[in-house]
Amino acid sequence: MKLNKLTPEEERVIVHKGTEAPFRGEYDTKFDEGTYVCRRCETPLYMSTSKFHSGCGWPSFDQEIEGVVTRISDSDGMRTEIVCNTCNAHLGHVFTGEGYTDKNTRHCVNSISLKFIPKK
C-alpha cells in the first residue's frame, strides 16, 4: 500500500490521533459534489451526498462508503473513534442519537484527514 507523505500537522492528527481546531478546516463548509478520500492512502471514504451541516466546526457525514471505516472505542472510554480501514488513519469520531439526519449518525471528521475529489 502506498502512503502519501504527510506534513507535521497532518501527522499529528492522522497518525497520533490529534484534533484540528474547529471551524478552521478546509472542508467544514464545502458542499460541492464529489468524493472525500483518506489523505494518507486515498481510499474513498465518504460521498458528498452524505455530508451535512451540523454546526460543530468539522465536516459531518451521516454515512461512510460501506466497508471503509472502522469504529473503535476511544482511549477516553466515552467516544467512538473512526479510522480508515486501509491505513488506520485517524479520521475523527462517530456519534449516534443526535437527530441531525434520518440516519441519526454523525461522523465528525477532521478536514486534515481528508482530500476532496470533485465530481467530473
PDB file of N, CA and C in Angstrom:
ATOM      1  N   MET A   1       0.849  -1.173   0.000  1.00  0.00           N
ATOM      2  CA  MET A   1       0.000   0.000   0.000  1.00  0.00           C
ATOM      3  C   MET A   1       0.896   1.239   0.000  1.00  0.00           C
ATOM      4  N   LYS A   2       0.588   2.164  -0.894  1.00  0.00           N
ATOM      5  CA  LYS A   2       1.329   3.422  -0.982  1.00  0.00           C
ATOM      6  C   LYS A   2       0.693   4.437  -0.029  1.00  0.00           C
ATOM      7  N   LEU A   3       1.521   5.050   0.817  1.00  0.00           N
ATOM      8  CA  LEU A   3       1.044   6.080   1.730  1.00  0.00           C
ATOM      9  C   LEU A   3       1.627   7.424   1.324  1.00  0.00           C
ATOM     10  N   ASN A   4       0.790   8.446   1.307  1.00  0.00           N
ATOM     11  CA  ASN A   4       1.248   9.791   0.980  1.00  0.00           C
ATOM     12  C   ASN A   4       2.107  10.350   2.110  1.00  0.00           C
ATOM     13  N   LYS A   5       3.079  11.170   1.740  1.00  0.00           N
ATOM     14  CA  LYS A   5       3.897  11.864   2.736  1.00  0.00           C
ATOM     15  C   LYS A   5       3.019  12.914   3.407  1.00  0.00           C
ATOM     16  N   LEU A   6       3.099  12.990   4.726  1.00  0.00           N
ATOM     17  CA  LEU A   6       2.263  13.909   5.495  1.00  0.00           C
ATOM     18  C   LEU A   6       3.091  15.071   6.029  1.00  0.00           C
ATOM     19  N   THR A   7       2.455  16.232   6.147  1.00  0.00           N
ATOM     20  CA  THR A   7       3.079  17.369   6.810  1.00  0.00           C
ATOM     21  C   THR A   7       3.107  17.063   8.313  1.00  0.00           C
ATOM     22  N   PRO A   8       3.886  17.784   9.095  1.00  0.00           N
ATOM     23  CA  PRO A   8       3.879  17.557  10.553  1.00  0.00           C
ATOM     24  C   PRO A   8       2.483  17.696  11.171  1.00  0.00           C
ATOM     25  N   GLU A   9       1.689  18.661  10.731  1.00  0.00           N
ATOM     26  CA  GLU A   9       0.341  18.842  11.288  1.00  0.00           C
ATOM     27  C   GLU A   9      -0.577  17.689  10.878  1.00  0.00           C
ATOM     28  N   GLU A  10      -0.483  17.240   9.626  1.00  0.00           N
ATOM     29  CA  GLU A  10      -1.270  16.086   9.188  1.00  0.00           C
ATOM     30  C   GLU A  10      -0.888  14.856   9.994  1.00  0.00           C
ATOM     31  N   GLU A  11       0.387  14.653  10.223  1.00  0.00           N
ATOM     32  CA  GLU A  11       0.849  13.500  11.009  1.00  0.00           C
ATOM     33  C   GLU A  11       0.344  13.570  12.449  1.00  0.00           C
ATOM     34  N   ARG A  12       0.317  14.771  13.029  1.00  0.00           N
ATOM     35  CA  ARG A  12      -0.176  14.940  14.405  1.00  0.00           C
ATOM     36  C   ARG A  12      -1.619  14.447  14.526  1.00  0.00           C
ATOM     37  N   VAL A  13      -2.438  14.752  13.546  1.00  0.00           N
ATOM     38  CA  VAL A  13      -3.846  14.357  13.586  1.00  0.00           C
ATOM     39  C   VAL A  13      -4.036  12.916  13.111  1.00  0.00           C
ATOM     40  N   ILE A  14      -3.482  12.580  11.957  1.00  0.00           N
ATOM     41  CA  ILE A  14      -3.754  11.300  11.305  1.00  0.00           C
ATOM     42  C   ILE A  14      -3.047  10.126  11.977  1.00  0.00           C
ATOM     43  N   VAL A  15      -1.800  10.306  12.361  1.00  0.00           N
ATOM     44  CA  VAL A  15      -1.018   9.209  12.950  1.00  0.00           C
ATOM     45  C   VAL A  15      -1.123   9.199  14.474  1.00  0.00           C
ATOM     46  N   HIS A  16      -1.057  10.396  15.078  1.00  0.00           N
ATOM     47  CA  HIS A  16      -1.015  10.492  16.542  1.00  0.00           C
ATOM     48  C   HIS A  16      -2.375  10.818  17.162  1.00  0.00           C
ATOM     49  N   LYS A  17      -3.429  10.720  16.338  1.00  0.00           N
ATOM     50  CA  LYS A  17      -4.824  10.843  16.793  1.00  0.00           C
ATOM     51  C   LYS A  17      -5.150  12.194  17.431  1.00  0.00           C
ATOM     52  N   GLY A  18      -4.614  13.243  16.829  1.00  0.00           N
ATOM     53  CA  GLY A  18      -4.906  14.596  17.292  1.00  0.00           C
ATOM     54  C   GLY A  18      -6.226  15.093  16.730  1.00  0.00           C
ATOM     55  N   THR A  19      -6.525  16.356  17.002  1.00  0.00           N
ATOM     56  CA  THR A  19      -7.735  17.002  16.506  1.00  0.00           C
ATOM     57  C   THR A  19      -7.362  18.379  15.990  1.00  0.00           C
ATOM     58  N   GLU A  20      -7.874  18.736  14.820  1.00  0.00           N
ATOM     59  CA  GLU A  20      -7.640  20.087  14.329  1.00  0.00           C
ATOM     60  C   GLU A  20      -8.639  21.035  15.006  1.00  0.00           C
ATOM     61  N   ALA A  21      -8.321  22.302  15.021  1.00  0.00           N
ATOM     62  CA  ALA A  21      -9.199  23.297  15.646  1.00  0.00           C
ATOM     63  C   ALA A  21     -10.534  23.357  14.898  1.00  0.00           C
ATOM     64  N   PRO A  22     -11.643  23.534  15.623  1.00  0.00           N
ATOM     65  CA  PRO A  22     -12.949  23.624  14.963  1.00  0.00           C
ATOM     66  C   PRO A  22     -13.057  24.888  14.113  1.00  0.00           C
ATOM     67  N   PHE A  23     -13.877  24.809  13.066  1.00  0.00           N
ATOM     68  CA  PHE A  23     -14.195  25.922  12.169  1.00  0.00           C
ATOM     69  C   PHE A  23     -12.995  26.428  11.370  1.00  0.00           C
ATOM     70  N   ARG A  24     -11.925  25.655  11.304  1.00  0.00           N
ATOM     71  CA  ARG A  24     -10.729  26.079  10.567  1.00  0.00           C
ATOM     72  C   ARG A  24     -10.404  25.165   9.393  1.00  0.00           C
ATOM     73  N   GLY A  25     -10.947  23.964   9.379  1.00  0.00           N
ATOM     74  CA  GLY A  25     -10.633  23.008   8.321  1.00  0.00           C
ATOM     75  C   GLY A  25     -11.227  23.420   6.982  1.00  0.00           C
ATOM     76  N   GLU A  26     -10.560  23.041   5.919  1.00  0.00           N
ATOM     77  CA  GLU A  26     -10.978  23.472   4.585  1.00  0.00           C
ATOM     78  C   GLU A  26     -12.300  22.861   4.122  1.00  0.00           C
ATOM     79  N   TYR A  27     -12.772  21.796   4.750  1.00  0.00           N
ATOM     80  CA  TYR A  27     -13.989  21.133   4.274  1.00  0.00           C
ATOM     81  C   TYR A  27     -15.211  21.323   5.175  1.00  0.00           C
ATOM     82  N   ASP A  28     -15.084  22.082   6.237  1.00  0.00           N
ATOM     83  CA  ASP A  28     -16.213  22.279   7.148  1.00  0.00           C
ATOM     84  C   ASP A  28     -17.436  22.827   6.414  1.00  0.00           C
ATOM     85  N   THR A  29     -17.235  23.815   5.562  1.00  0.00           N
ATOM     86  CA  THR A  29     -18.367  24.454   4.880  1.00  0.00           C
ATOM     87  C   THR A  29     -18.394  24.170   3.382  1.00  0.00           C
ATOM     88  N   LYS A  30     -17.662  23.188   2.923  1.00  0.00           N
ATOM     89  CA  LYS A  30     -17.634  22.822   1.492  1.00  0.00           C
ATOM     90  C   LYS A  30     -18.750  21.822   1.216  1.00  0.00           C
ATOM     91  N   PHE A  31     -19.576  22.129   0.208  1.00  0.00           N
ATOM     92  CA  PHE A  31     -20.675  21.239  -0.131  1.00  0.00           C
ATOM     93  C   PHE A  31     -20.753  20.964  -1.635  1.00  0.00           C
ATOM     94  N   ASP A  32     -19.600  20.943  -2.300  1.00  0.00           N
ATOM     95  CA  ASP A  32     -19.538  20.602  -3.719  1.00  0.00           C
ATOM     96  C   ASP A  32     -19.745  19.096  -3.895  1.00  0.00           C
ATOM     97  N   GLU A  33     -20.128  18.693  -5.113  1.00  0.00           N
ATOM     98  CA  GLU A  33     -20.306  17.269  -5.395  1.00  0.00           C
ATOM     99  C   GLU A  33     -18.957  16.595  -5.598  1.00  0.00           C
ATOM    100  N   GLY A  34     -18.809  15.420  -5.013  1.00  0.00           N
ATOM    101  CA  GLY A  34     -17.578  14.676  -5.185  1.00  0.00           C
ATOM    102  C   GLY A  34     -17.409  13.616  -4.114  1.00  0.00           C
ATOM    103  N   THR A  35     -16.171  13.200  -3.934  1.00  0.00           N
ATOM    104  CA  THR A  35     -15.832  12.127  -3.001  1.00  0.00           C
ATOM    105  C   THR A  35     -14.723  12.596  -2.071  1.00  0.00           C
ATOM    106  N   TYR A  36     -14.864  12.261  -0.806  1.00  0.00           N
ATOM    107  CA  TYR A  36     -13.822  12.546   0.182  1.00  0.00           C
ATOM    108  C   TYR A  36     -13.016  11.271   0.383  1.00  0.00           C
ATOM    109  N   VAL A  37     -11.703  11.381   0.191  1.00  0.00           N
ATOM    110  CA  VAL A  37     -10.817  10.228   0.321  1.00  0.00           C
ATOM    111  C   VAL A  37      -9.866  10.439   1.484  1.00  0.00           C
ATOM    112  N   CYS A  38      -9.280   9.363   1.952  1.00  0.00           N
ATOM    113  CA  CYS A  38      -8.286   9.421   3.020  1.00  0.00           C
ATOM    114  C   CYS A  38      -7.050  10.166   2.515  1.00  0.00           C
ATOM    115  N   ARG A  39      -6.599  11.154   3.262  1.00  0.00           N
ATOM    116  CA  ARG A  39      -5.424  11.928   2.864  1.00  0.00           C
ATOM    117  C   ARG A  39      -4.166  11.059   2.844  1.00  0.00           C
ATOM    118  N   ARG A  40      -4.122  10.064   3.694  1.00  0.00           N
ATOM    119  CA  ARG A  40      -2.913   9.237   3.808  1.00  0.00           C
ATOM    120  C   ARG A  40      -2.801   8.182   2.707  1.00  0.00           C
ATOM    121  N   CYS A  41      -3.922   7.514   2.371  1.00  0.00           N
ATOM    122  CA  CYS A  41      -3.833   6.408   1.401  1.00  0.00           C
ATOM    123  C   CYS A  41      -4.761   6.561   0.200  1.00  0.00           C
ATOM    124  N   GLU A  42      -5.608   7.575   0.207  1.00  0.00           N
ATOM    125  CA  GLU A  42      -6.541   7.902  -0.874  1.00  0.00           C
ATOM    126  C   GLU A  42      -7.676   6.901  -1.071  1.00  0.00           C
ATOM    127  N   THR A  43      -7.977   6.119  -0.048  1.00  0.00           N
ATOM    128  CA  THR A  43      -9.160   5.257  -0.089  1.00  0.00           C
ATOM    129  C   THR A  43     -10.409   6.139  -0.054  1.00  0.00           C
ATOM    130  N   PRO A  44     -11.365   5.959  -0.967  1.00  0.00           N
ATOM    131  CA  PRO A  44     -12.624   6.706  -0.895  1.00  0.00           C
ATOM    132  C   PRO A  44     -13.359   6.376   0.407  1.00  0.00           C
ATOM    133  N   LEU A  45     -13.756   7.415   1.150  1.00  0.00           N
ATOM    134  CA  LEU A  45     -14.389   7.234   2.459  1.00  0.00           C
ATOM    135  C   LEU A  45     -15.845   7.701   2.503  1.00  0.00           C
ATOM    136  N   TYR A  46     -16.120   8.885   1.942  1.00  0.00           N
ATOM    137  CA  TYR A  46     -17.449   9.490   2.037  1.00  0.00           C
ATOM    138  C   TYR A  46     -17.831  10.132   0.712  1.00  0.00           C
ATOM    139  N   MET A  47     -19.088   9.984   0.330  1.00  0.00           N
ATOM    140  CA  MET A  47     -19.638  10.697  -0.815  1.00  0.00           C
ATOM    141  C   MET A  47     -20.191  12.031  -0.325  1.00  0.00           C
ATOM    142  N   SER A  48     -20.122  13.042  -1.161  1.00  0.00           N
ATOM    143  CA  SER A  48     -20.624  14.364  -0.763  1.00  0.00           C
ATOM    144  C   SER A  48     -22.118  14.330  -0.456  1.00  0.00           C
ATOM    145  N   THR A  49     -22.835  13.366  -1.004  1.00  0.00           N
ATOM    146  CA  THR A  49     -24.275  13.260  -0.752  1.00  0.00           C
ATOM    147  C   THR A  49     -24.583  12.884   0.694  1.00  0.00           C
ATOM    148  N   SER A  50     -23.590  12.370   1.438  1.00  0.00           N
ATOM    149  CA  SER A  50     -23.812  12.020   2.847  1.00  0.00           C
ATOM    150  C   SER A  50     -23.341  13.126   3.793  1.00  0.00           C
ATOM    151  N   LYS A  51     -22.859  14.240   3.241  1.00  0.00           N
ATOM    152  CA  LYS A  51     -22.355  15.348   4.065  1.00  0.00           C
ATOM    153  C   LYS A  51     -23.503  16.276   4.441  1.00  0.00           C
ATOM    154  N   PHE A  52     -23.459  16.789   5.657  1.00  0.00           N
ATOM    155  CA  PHE A  52     -24.476  17.740   6.102  1.00  0.00           C
ATOM    156  C   PHE A  52     -23.848  18.754   7.050  1.00  0.00           C
ATOM    157  N   HIS A  53     -24.526  19.872   7.217  1.00  0.00           N
ATOM    158  CA  HIS A  53     -24.027  20.918   8.113  1.00  0.00           C
ATOM    159  C   HIS A  53     -24.557  20.665   9.521  1.00  0.00           C
ATOM    160  N   SER A  54     -23.661  20.389  10.464  1.00  0.00           N
ATOM    161  CA  SER A  54     -24.070  20.135  11.850  1.00  0.00           C
ATOM    162  C   SER A  54     -23.774  21.324  12.749  1.00  0.00           C
ATOM    163  N   GLY A  55     -22.923  22.241  12.287  1.00  0.00           N
ATOM    164  CA  GLY A  55     -22.556  23.397  13.101  1.00  0.00           C
ATOM    165  C   GLY A  55     -21.496  23.098  14.142  1.00  0.00           C
ATOM    166  N   CYS A  56     -20.906  21.900  14.109  1.00  0.00           N
ATOM    167  CA  CYS A  56     -19.933  21.505  15.139  1.00  0.00           C
ATOM    168  C   CYS A  56     -18.523  22.018  14.857  1.00  0.00           C
ATOM    169  N   GLY A  57     -18.256  22.488  13.619  1.00  0.00           N
ATOM    170  CA  GLY A  57     -16.936  23.010  13.297  1.00  0.00           C
ATOM    171  C   GLY A  57     -16.048  22.059  12.522  1.00  0.00           C
ATOM    172  N   TRP A  58     -16.530  20.854  12.270  1.00  0.00           N
ATOM    173  CA  TRP A  58     -15.817  19.859  11.477  1.00  0.00           C
ATOM    174  C   TRP A  58     -16.786  19.304  10.435  1.00  0.00           C
ATOM    175  N   PRO A  59     -16.275  18.773   9.331  1.00  0.00           N
ATOM    176  CA  PRO A  59     -17.173  18.141   8.352  1.00  0.00           C
ATOM    177  C   PRO A  59     -17.962  17.001   9.000  1.00  0.00           C
ATOM    178  N   SER A  60     -19.234  16.924   8.661  1.00  0.00           N
ATOM    179  CA  SER A  60     -20.112  15.892   9.214  1.00  0.00           C
ATOM    180  C   SER A  60     -20.727  15.076   8.093  1.00  0.00           C
ATOM    181  N   PHE A  61     -20.731  13.765   8.275  1.00  0.00           N
ATOM    182  CA  PHE A  61     -21.303  12.836   7.310  1.00  0.00           C
ATOM    183  C   PHE A  61     -22.197  11.871   8.070  1.00  0.00           C
ATOM    184  N   ASP A  62     -23.320  11.456   7.450  1.00  0.00           N
ATOM    185  CA  ASP A  62     -24.186  10.501   8.147  1.00  0.00           C
ATOM    186  C   ASP A  62     -24.013   9.076   7.651  1.00  0.00           C
ATOM    187  N   GLN A  63     -23.076   8.871   6.701  1.00  0.00           N
ATOM    188  CA  GLN A  63     -22.821   7.505   6.233  1.00  0.00           C
ATOM    189  C   GLN A  63     -21.485   7.454   5.511  1.00  0.00           C
ATOM    190  N   GLU A  64     -20.694   6.451   5.849  1.00  0.00           N
ATOM    191  CA  GLU A  64     -19.446   6.200   5.142  1.00  0.00           C
ATOM    192  C   GLU A  64     -19.718   5.292   3.952  1.00  0.00           C
ATOM    193  N   ILE A  65     -18.762   5.203   3.036  1.00  0.00           N
ATOM    194  CA  ILE A  65     -18.842   4.215   1.976  1.00  0.00           C
ATOM    195  C   ILE A  65     -18.677   2.851   2.655  1.00  0.00           C
ATOM    196  N   GLU A  66     -19.522   1.915   2.309  1.00  0.00           N
ATOM    197  CA  GLU A  66     -19.561   0.623   3.011  1.00  0.00           C
ATOM    198  C   GLU A  66     -18.191  -0.059   3.069  1.00  0.00           C
ATOM    199  N   GLY A  67     -17.819  -0.479   4.278  1.00  0.00           N
ATOM    200  CA  GLY A  67     -16.630  -1.287   4.491  1.00  0.00           C
ATOM    201  C   GLY A  67     -15.305  -0.558   4.564  1.00  0.00           C
ATOM    202  N   VAL A  68     -15.303   0.785   4.597  1.00  0.00           N
ATOM    203  CA  VAL A  68     -14.026   1.505   4.556  1.00  0.00           C
ATOM    204  C   VAL A  68     -13.640   2.214   5.852  1.00  0.00           C
ATOM    205  N   VAL A  69     -14.559   2.276   6.805  1.00  0.00           N
ATOM    206  CA  VAL A  69     -14.293   2.951   8.075  1.00  0.00           C
ATOM    207  C   VAL A  69     -14.499   1.963   9.219  1.00  0.00           C
ATOM    208  N   THR A  70     -13.549   1.941  10.141  1.00  0.00           N
ATOM    209  CA  THR A  70     -13.651   1.076  11.317  1.00  0.00           C
ATOM    210  C   THR A  70     -13.949   1.928  12.542  1.00  0.00           C
ATOM    211  N   ARG A  71     -14.848   1.452  13.370  1.00  0.00           N
ATOM    212  CA  ARG A  71     -15.187   2.120  14.636  1.00  0.00           C
ATOM    213  C   ARG A  71     -14.484   1.381  15.771  1.00  0.00           C
ATOM    214  N   ILE A  72     -13.802   2.131  16.626  1.00  0.00           N
ATOM    215  CA  ILE A  72     -13.131   1.540  17.789  1.00  0.00           C
ATOM    216  C   ILE A  72     -13.372   2.418  19.014  1.00  0.00           C
ATOM    217  N   SER A  73     -13.367   1.814  20.167  1.00  0.00           N
ATOM    218  CA  SER A  73     -13.532   2.591  21.399  1.00  0.00           C
ATOM    219  C   SER A  73     -12.362   3.542  21.556  1.00  0.00           C
ATOM    220  N   ASP A  74     -12.669   4.803  21.820  1.00  0.00           N
ATOM    221  CA  ASP A  74     -11.640   5.821  22.008  1.00  0.00           C
ATOM    222  C   ASP A  74     -10.928   5.605  23.339  1.00  0.00           C
ATOM    223  N   SER A  75      -9.702   6.076  23.418  1.00  0.00           N
ATOM    224  CA  SER A  75      -8.931   5.905  24.653  1.00  0.00           C
ATOM    225  C   SER A  75      -9.560   6.638  25.833  1.00  0.00           C
ATOM    226  N   ASP A  76     -10.457   7.624  25.556  1.00  0.00           N
ATOM    227  CA  ASP A  76     -11.113   8.324  26.664  1.00  0.00           C
ATOM    228  C   ASP A  76     -12.254   7.503  27.267  1.00  0.00           C
ATOM    229  N   GLY A  77     -12.598   6.370  26.627  1.00  0.00           N
ATOM    230  CA  GLY A  77     -13.635   5.487  27.142  1.00  0.00           C
ATOM    231  C   GLY A  77     -15.053   5.978  26.940  1.00  0.00           C
ATOM    232  N   MET A  78     -15.215   7.151  26.328  1.00  0.00           N
ATOM    233  CA  MET A  78     -16.550   7.723  26.177  1.00  0.00           C
ATOM    234  C   MET A  78     -16.990   7.845  24.718  1.00  0.00           C
ATOM    235  N   ARG A  79     -16.042   8.035  23.821  1.00  0.00           N
ATOM    236  CA  ARG A  79     -16.376   8.256  22.421  1.00  0.00           C
ATOM    237  C   ARG A  79     -15.991   7.036  21.577  1.00  0.00           C
ATOM    238  N   THR A  80     -16.451   7.065  20.315  1.00  0.00           N
ATOM    239  CA  THR A  80     -16.088   6.030  19.357  1.00  0.00           C
ATOM    240  C   THR A  80     -15.251   6.678  18.257  1.00  0.00           C
ATOM    241  N   GLU A  81     -14.010   6.231  18.158  1.00  0.00           N
ATOM    242  CA  GLU A  81     -13.103   6.743  17.139  1.00  0.00           C
ATOM    243  C   GLU A  81     -13.409   6.077  15.808  1.00  0.00           C
ATOM    244  N   ILE A  82     -13.164   6.802  14.711  1.00  0.00           N
ATOM    245  CA  ILE A  82     -13.267   6.221  13.378  1.00  0.00           C
ATOM    246  C   ILE A  82     -11.910   6.331  12.696  1.00  0.00           C
ATOM    247  N   VAL A  83     -11.512   5.219  12.044  1.00  0.00           N
ATOM    248  CA  VAL A  83     -10.236   5.168  11.339  1.00  0.00           C
ATOM    249  C   VAL A  83     -10.447   4.583   9.949  1.00  0.00           C
ATOM    250  N   CYS A  84      -9.536   4.914   9.049  1.00  0.00           N
ATOM    251  CA  CYS A  84      -9.551   4.350   7.702  1.00  0.00           C
ATOM    252  C   CYS A  84      -9.226   2.864   7.797  1.00  0.00           C
ATOM    253  N   ASN A  85     -10.051   2.048   7.183  1.00  0.00           N
ATOM    254  CA  ASN A  85      -9.864   0.597   7.190  1.00  0.00           C
ATOM    255  C   ASN A  85      -8.583   0.174   6.470  1.00  0.00           C
ATOM    256  N   THR A  86      -8.146   0.959   5.493  1.00  0.00           N
ATOM    257  CA  THR A  86      -6.991   0.595   4.685  1.00  0.00           C
ATOM    258  C   THR A  86      -5.670   0.882   5.395  1.00  0.00           C
ATOM    259  N   CYS A  87      -5.523   2.098   5.972  1.00  0.00           N
ATOM    260  CA  CYS A  87      -4.218   2.505   6.523  1.00  0.00           C
ATOM    261  C   CYS A  87      -4.255   2.865   8.000  1.00  0.00           C
ATOM    262  N   ASN A  88      -5.424   2.733   8.640  1.00  0.00           N
ATOM    263  CA  ASN A  88      -5.585   3.016  10.068  1.00  0.00           C
ATOM    264  C   ASN A  88      -5.434   4.502  10.409  1.00  0.00           C
ATOM    265  N   ALA A  89      -5.603   5.386   9.429  1.00  0.00           N
ATOM    266  CA  ALA A  89      -5.523   6.823   9.686  1.00  0.00           C
ATOM    267  C   ALA A  89      -6.677   7.260  10.584  1.00  0.00           C
ATOM    268  N   HIS A  90      -6.362   8.085  11.582  1.00  0.00           N
ATOM    269  CA  HIS A  90      -7.391   8.654  12.448  1.00  0.00           C
ATOM    270  C   HIS A  90      -8.210   9.660  11.646  1.00  0.00           C
ATOM    271  N   LEU A  91      -9.526   9.467  11.636  1.00  0.00           N
ATOM    272  CA  LEU A  91     -10.419  10.367  10.914  1.00  0.00           C
ATOM    273  C   LEU A  91     -11.128  11.322  11.859  1.00  0.00           C
ATOM    274  N   GLY A  92     -11.579  10.829  12.992  1.00  0.00           N
ATOM    275  CA  GLY A  92     -12.344  11.628  13.943  1.00  0.00           C
ATOM    276  C   GLY A  92     -13.147  10.705  14.833  1.00  0.00           C
ATOM    277  N   HIS A  93     -14.419  11.061  15.057  1.00  0.00           N
ATOM    278  CA  HIS A  93     -15.294  10.283  15.938  1.00  0.00           C
ATOM    279  C   HIS A  93     -16.682  10.176  15.319  1.00  0.00           C
ATOM    280  N   VAL A  94     -17.421   9.170  15.734  1.00  0.00           N
ATOM    281  CA  VAL A  94     -18.791   8.992  15.273  1.00  0.00           C
ATOM    282  C   VAL A  94     -19.723   9.078  16.479  1.00  0.00           C
ATOM    283  N   PHE A  95     -20.859   9.747  16.255  1.00  0.00           N
ATOM    284  CA  PHE A  95     -21.860   9.928  17.308  1.00  0.00           C
ATOM    285  C   PHE A  95     -23.215   9.491  16.762  1.00  0.00           C
ATOM    286  N   THR A  96     -24.027   8.902  17.614  1.00  0.00           N
ATOM    287  CA  THR A  96     -25.369   8.477  17.214  1.00  0.00           C
ATOM    288  C   THR A  96     -26.392   9.072  18.165  1.00  0.00           C
ATOM    289  N   GLY A  97     -27.635   9.117  17.694  1.00  0.00           N
ATOM    290  CA  GLY A  97     -28.730   9.567  18.542  1.00  0.00           C
ATOM    291  C   GLY A  97     -28.882  11.065  18.655  1.00  0.00           C
ATOM    292  N   GLU A  98     -28.234  11.835  17.795  1.00  0.00           N
ATOM    293  CA  GLU A  98     -28.315  13.301  17.884  1.00  0.00           C
ATOM    294  C   GLU A  98     -29.464  13.880  17.064  1.00  0.00           C
ATOM    295  N   GLY A  99     -29.998  13.108  16.108  1.00  0.00           N
ATOM    296  CA  GLY A  99     -31.158  13.543  15.342  1.00  0.00           C
ATOM    297  C   GLY A  99     -30.881  14.537  14.220  1.00  0.00           C
ATOM    298  N   TYR A 100     -29.644  14.695  13.792  1.00  0.00           N
ATOM    299  CA  TYR A 100     -29.347  15.629  12.704  1.00  0.00           C
ATOM    300  C   TYR A 100     -29.951  15.186  11.372  1.00  0.00           C
ATOM    301  N   THR A 101     -29.924  13.880  11.106  1.00  0.00           N
ATOM    302  CA  THR A 101     -30.463  13.340   9.849  1.00  0.00           C
ATOM    303  C   THR A 101     -31.313  12.115  10.167  1.00  0.00           C
ATOM    304  N   ASP A 102     -31.993  11.609   9.173  1.00  0.00           N
ATOM    305  CA  ASP A 102     -32.814  10.409   9.359  1.00  0.00           C
ATOM    306  C   ASP A 102     -31.963   9.201   9.758  1.00  0.00           C
ATOM    307  N   LYS A 103     -30.689   9.199   9.359  1.00  0.00           N
ATOM    308  CA  LYS A 103     -29.797   8.082   9.711  1.00  0.00           C
ATOM    309  C   LYS A 103     -29.322   8.178  11.158  1.00  0.00           C
ATOM    310  N   ASN A 104     -29.521   9.345  11.785  1.00  0.00           N
ATOM    311  CA  ASN A 104     -29.240   9.542  13.205  1.00  0.00           C
ATOM    312  C   ASN A 104     -27.783   9.233  13.574  1.00  0.00           C
ATOM    313  N   THR A 105     -26.876   9.508  12.629  1.00  0.00           N
ATOM    314  CA  THR A 105     -25.452   9.238  12.803  1.00  0.00           C
ATOM    315  C   THR A 105     -24.669  10.454  12.334  1.00  0.00           C
ATOM    316  N   ARG A 106     -23.613  10.808  13.060  1.00  0.00           N
ATOM    317  CA  ARG A 106     -22.746  11.912  12.646  1.00  0.00           C
ATOM    318  C   ARG A 106     -21.296  11.477  12.739  1.00  0.00           C
ATOM    319  N   HIS A 107     -20.659  11.330  11.586  1.00  0.00           N
ATOM    320  CA  HIS A 107     -19.222  11.131  11.533  1.00  0.00           C
ATOM    321  C   HIS A 107     -18.614  12.525  11.569  1.00  0.00           C
ATOM    322  N   CYS A 108     -17.953  12.861  12.644  1.00  0.00           N
ATOM    323  CA  CYS A 108     -17.309  14.157  12.841  1.00  0.00           C
ATOM    324  C   CYS A 108     -15.837  13.962  12.448  1.00  0.00           C
ATOM    325  N   VAL A 109     -15.463  14.487  11.270  1.00  0.00           N
ATOM    326  CA  VAL A 109     -14.183  14.149  10.656  1.00  0.00           C
ATOM    327  C   VAL A 109     -13.281  15.372  10.564  1.00  0.00           C
ATOM    328  N   ASN A 110     -12.019  15.192  10.882  1.00  0.00           N
ATOM    329  CA  ASN A 110     -11.040  16.263  10.709  1.00  0.00           C
ATOM    330  C   ASN A 110     -10.839  16.510   9.218  1.00  0.00           C
ATOM    331  N   SER A 111     -10.967  17.755   8.769  1.00  0.00           N
ATOM    332  CA  SER A 111     -10.705  18.083   7.358  1.00  0.00           C
ATOM    333  C   SER A 111      -9.316  17.621   6.941  1.00  0.00           C
ATOM    334  N   ILE A 112      -8.359  17.767   7.831  1.00  0.00           N
ATOM    335  CA  ILE A 112      -6.968  17.447   7.523  1.00  0.00           C
ATOM    336  C   ILE A 112      -6.768  15.954   7.247  1.00  0.00           C
ATOM    337  N   SER A 113      -7.724  15.122   7.664  1.00  0.00           N
ATOM    338  CA  SER A 113      -7.652  13.678   7.413  1.00  0.00           C
ATOM    339  C   SER A 113      -8.194  13.315   6.035  1.00  0.00           C
ATOM    340  N   LEU A 114      -8.769  14.294   5.352  1.00  0.00           N
ATOM    341  CA  LEU A 114      -9.447  14.055   4.081  1.00  0.00           C
ATOM    342  C   LEU A 114      -8.799  14.806   2.926  1.00  0.00           C
ATOM    343  N   LYS A 115      -9.095  14.338   1.724  1.00  0.00           N
ATOM    344  CA  LYS A 115      -8.819  15.047   0.483  1.00  0.00           C
ATOM    345  C   LYS A 115     -10.090  14.975  -0.334  1.00  0.00           C
ATOM    346  N   PHE A 116     -10.478  16.076  -0.974  1.00  0.00           N
ATOM    347  CA  PHE A 116     -11.719  16.110  -1.752  1.00  0.00           C
ATOM    348  C   PHE A 116     -11.413  15.935  -3.239  1.00  0.00           C
ATOM    349  N   ILE A 117     -12.138  15.019  -3.857  1.00  0.00           N
ATOM    350  CA  ILE A 117     -12.028  14.790  -5.300  1.00  0.00           C
ATOM    351  C   ILE A 117     -13.347  15.234  -5.924  1.00  0.00           C
ATOM    352  N   PRO A 118     -13.346  16.347  -6.672  1.00  0.00           N
ATOM    353  CA  PRO A 118     -14.604  16.834  -7.250  1.00  0.00           C
ATOM    354  C   PRO A 118     -15.187  15.872  -8.286  1.00  0.00           C
ATOM    355  N   LYS A 119     -16.509  15.883  -8.400  1.00  0.00           N
ATOM    356  CA  LYS A 119     -17.190  15.065  -9.409  1.00  0.00           C
ATOM    357  C   LYS A 119     -16.886  15.669 -10.774  1.00  0.00           C
ATOM    358  N   LYS A 120     -16.598  14.809 -11.733  1.00  0.00           N
ATOM    359  CA  LYS A 120     -16.255  15.310 -13.091  1.00  0.00           C
ATOM    360  C   LYS A 120     -17.483  15.414 -13.953  1.00  0.00           C
TER     361      LYS A 120
END
